[in-house]
Structure formats: structure tokens, C-alpha cells
């Protein structure tokens, strides 16, 4: 767990008392949230570097919030709804990308995985093709 810089948190609270900064364990990044009167807080901003990796919050994030600040103009609800939709879409895209990665990693290895499972349980080998019994040659007496 990473500690949030206290100076950043003070500056964030000066902007709006309902803003907060938390560490998201799933994304492994800091997240600025907006507390609502009821329900879960809105996700406002992921704090990340240009490559999308982890970084600590600093004054750049305060500037981003000030530039996009609509809290004073009364359109905060529309802005927060837009940001919430974007954050949910981003999280869904990350989950889909993870599922696709796992699927692609195992798609070609179905037969190998089946053979490894069967060997581990002493059940023989998995035949990819149907086994055909050889036809006997010569005279067959019944």
C-alpha cells in the first residue's frame, strides 16, 4: 500500500472537500474520487504517467482538475456522470483485454493442456485424431 502525499491531499481538499485520493488495488494506481451524498464515490481521475504506468500524485493532477473544474459553474453532475462512464468503460476494456490475453495464451495449447492433465492423473495420452484399429491381413476365420 502506498501513502498519499499529505501536501497533495491538502491541495485537493482546498479545491473541494468532497474530493479524495485513494489507492486502487486492482489497477495498482492512485485514483481521485468525488464523494456523493449517497452511494459509492465517483471515480474522477486515474493518476498515471504517459505510458499508463504508476506514479505518485503531484501538482500536475491539481492543475488538470482546476482546468476541467466545473464544480463552481453548476454542471458538476453532467461532468461527473461523463467521467464515471469513461472510468467504467476503461475498467471494462481492461477486463476484456485480460480475458482475451488468457484466451489467446491457451487457445493453441488445448491438446498440450489435455495431455499434461492426463499424464498427471495417469490416464494415458489424449489422441487428437480418432484412433482406427488396423485391419488384419490374410485369412480370417470366424
Protein backbone atom coordinates (compact mmCIF):
# COMPACT_ATOMS: atom_id res chain seq x y z
CA UNK A 1 0.00 0.00 0.00
CA UNK A 2 1.35 3.40 -0.96
CA UNK A 3 0.97 6.54 1.16
CA UNK A 4 -0.67 9.59 -0.37
CA UNK A 5 1.50 12.73 -0.11
CA UNK A 6 -0.05 14.95 2.57
CA UNK A 7 0.61 18.18 0.67
CA UNK A 8 -1.26 16.85 -2.34
CA UNK A 9 -4.21 15.80 -0.17
CA UNK A 10 -4.38 19.30 1.42
CA UNK A 11 -4.37 20.96 -2.02
CA UNK A 12 -7.05 18.54 -3.18
CA UNK A 13 -9.28 19.35 -0.19
CA UNK A 14 -8.82 23.09 -0.86
CA UNK A 15 -10.26 22.54 -4.33
CA UNK A 16 -13.32 20.72 -2.98
CA UNK A 17 -13.91 18.99 0.35
CA UNK A 18 -15.61 16.06 -1.36
CA UNK A 19 -12.55 15.17 -3.45
CA UNK A 20 -10.37 12.36 -2.13
CA UNK A 21 -7.38 10.34 -3.29
CA UNK A 22 -7.24 6.56 -2.79
CA UNK A 23 -5.02 3.74 -4.00
CA UNK A 24 -6.85 1.31 -6.29
CA UNK A 25 -5.54 -2.21 -5.64
CA UNK A 26 -7.00 -3.61 -8.85
CA UNK A 27 -5.37 -1.06 -11.18
CA UNK A 28 -2.33 -0.53 -8.93
CA UNK A 29 -2.66 3.25 -9.36
CA UNK A 30 -3.85 6.24 -7.37
CA UNK A 31 -7.39 7.37 -8.06
CA UNK A 32 -9.07 10.70 -7.35
CA UNK A 33 -12.69 10.23 -6.27
CA UNK A 34 -15.64 12.54 -5.64
CA UNK A 35 -17.82 11.66 -2.63
CA UNK A 36 -21.55 11.72 -3.24
CA UNK A 37 -24.29 12.17 -0.67
CA UNK A 38 -25.26 8.52 -1.04
CA UNK A 39 -23.76 5.54 -2.82
CA UNK A 40 -20.24 4.86 -3.98
CA UNK A 41 -17.95 7.79 -4.79
CA UNK A 42 -17.44 8.77 -8.43
CA UNK A 43 -14.07 7.97 -9.96
CA UNK A 44 -12.74 11.23 -11.34
CA UNK A 45 -9.13 10.67 -12.43
CA UNK A 46 -6.57 7.87 -12.63
CA UNK A 47 -3.12 9.14 -11.77
CA UNK A 48 -0.64 7.63 -14.22
CA UNK A 49 2.34 8.62 -16.34
CA UNK A 50 2.35 9.00 -20.13
CA UNK A 51 2.83 5.24 -20.65
CA UNK A 52 -0.10 4.44 -18.36
CA UNK A 53 2.09 3.21 -15.50
CA UNK A 54 2.07 4.01 -11.78
CA UNK A 55 3.20 7.40 -10.46
CA UNK A 56 2.65 9.42 -7.32
CA UNK A 57 0.10 12.28 -7.39
CA UNK A 58 1.50 15.80 -7.67
CA UNK A 59 0.59 19.33 -8.76
CA UNK A 60 0.01 18.24 -12.38
CA UNK A 61 -3.14 16.45 -11.22
CA UNK A 62 -4.33 19.51 -9.28
CA UNK A 63 -3.83 21.56 -12.45
CA UNK A 64 -5.81 19.03 -14.52
CA UNK A 65 -8.67 19.26 -12.02
CA UNK A 66 -8.55 23.07 -11.96
CA UNK A 67 -8.57 23.25 -15.77
CA UNK A 68 -11.53 20.90 -16.00
CA UNK A 69 -13.24 22.18 -12.88
CA UNK A 70 -16.94 22.61 -13.44
CA UNK A 71 -17.95 22.35 -9.80
CA UNK A 72 -18.43 26.10 -9.49
CA UNK A 73 -20.48 26.50 -12.68
CA UNK A 74 -23.24 24.09 -11.64
CA UNK A 75 -22.64 21.45 -14.32
CA UNK A 76 -20.87 19.14 -11.90
CA UNK A 77 -23.47 16.39 -12.22
CA UNK A 78 -23.05 16.16 -16.01
CA UNK A 79 -19.27 16.24 -15.73
CA UNK A 80 -19.19 13.56 -13.02
CA UNK A 81 -21.59 11.33 -14.98
CA UNK A 82 -19.38 11.66 -18.07
CA UNK A 83 -16.24 10.87 -16.09
CA UNK A 84 -17.92 7.92 -14.37
CA UNK A 85 -18.98 6.44 -17.71
CA UNK A 86 -15.44 6.83 -19.06
CA UNK A 87 -13.92 5.17 -15.99
CA UNK A 88 -16.38 2.25 -16.12
CA UNK A 89 -15.70 1.80 -19.83
CA UNK A 90 -11.97 1.83 -19.21
CA UNK A 91 -12.28 -0.78 -16.46
CA UNK A 92 -14.45 -2.99 -18.69
CA UNK A 93 -11.89 -2.66 -21.51
CA UNK A 94 -9.09 -3.73 -19.14
CA UNK A 95 -11.10 -6.77 -18.01
CA UNK A 96 -11.87 -7.73 -21.61
CA UNK A 97 -8.21 -7.32 -22.57
CA UNK A 98 -7.18 -9.61 -19.71
CA UNK A 99 -9.73 -12.26 -20.74
CA UNK A 100 -8.61 -12.03 -24.38
CA UNK A 101 -4.96 -12.39 -23.35
CA UNK A 102 -5.71 -15.54 -21.35
CA UNK A 103 -7.80 -16.95 -24.19
CA UNK A 104 -5.06 -16.32 -26.75
CA UNK A 105 -2.43 -17.81 -24.44
CA UNK A 106 -4.34 -21.09 -24.12
CA UNK A 107 -6.07 -21.41 -27.50
CA UNK A 108 -3.24 -23.28 -29.27
CA UNK A 109 -2.31 -25.33 -26.25
CA UNK A 110 -5.57 -27.21 -25.79
CA UNK A 111 -4.06 -30.54 -26.76
CA UNK A 112 -0.93 -29.91 -24.70
CA UNK A 113 -3.01 -29.00 -21.66
CA UNK A 114 -5.14 -32.10 -22.09
CA UNK A 115 -2.05 -34.33 -22.37
CA UNK A 116 -0.50 -32.75 -19.27
CA UNK A 117 -3.72 -33.29 -17.31
CA UNK A 118 -4.00 -36.91 -18.42
CA UNK A 119 -0.34 -37.61 -17.63
CA UNK A 120 -0.72 -36.04 -14.19
CA UNK A 121 -3.63 -38.36 -13.43
CA UNK A 122 -2.11 -41.48 -15.11
CA UNK A 123 -4.90 -41.64 -17.67
CA UNK A 124 -2.79 -42.16 -20.82
CA UNK A 125 -2.41 -39.85 -23.78
CA UNK A 126 -5.01 -37.68 -25.46
CA UNK A 127 -5.38 -38.52 -29.15
CA UNK A 128 -6.05 -35.56 -31.36
CA UNK A 129 -7.34 -37.78 -34.14
CA UNK A 130 -9.70 -40.75 -33.92
CA UNK A 131 -7.79 -43.97 -33.48
CA UNK A 132 -8.50 -46.53 -36.17
CA UNK A 133 -7.88 -50.21 -35.45
CA UNK A 134 -5.60 -51.79 -38.07
CA UNK A 135 -7.27 -54.24 -40.42
CA UNK A 136 -5.89 -57.77 -40.16
CA UNK A 137 -4.19 -59.16 -43.23
CA UNK A 138 -4.51 -62.66 -44.55
CA UNK A 139 -7.26 -65.18 -43.99
CA UNK A 140 -9.68 -64.50 -41.18
CA UNK A 141 -11.62 -67.45 -39.75
CA UNK A 142 -14.81 -66.77 -37.91
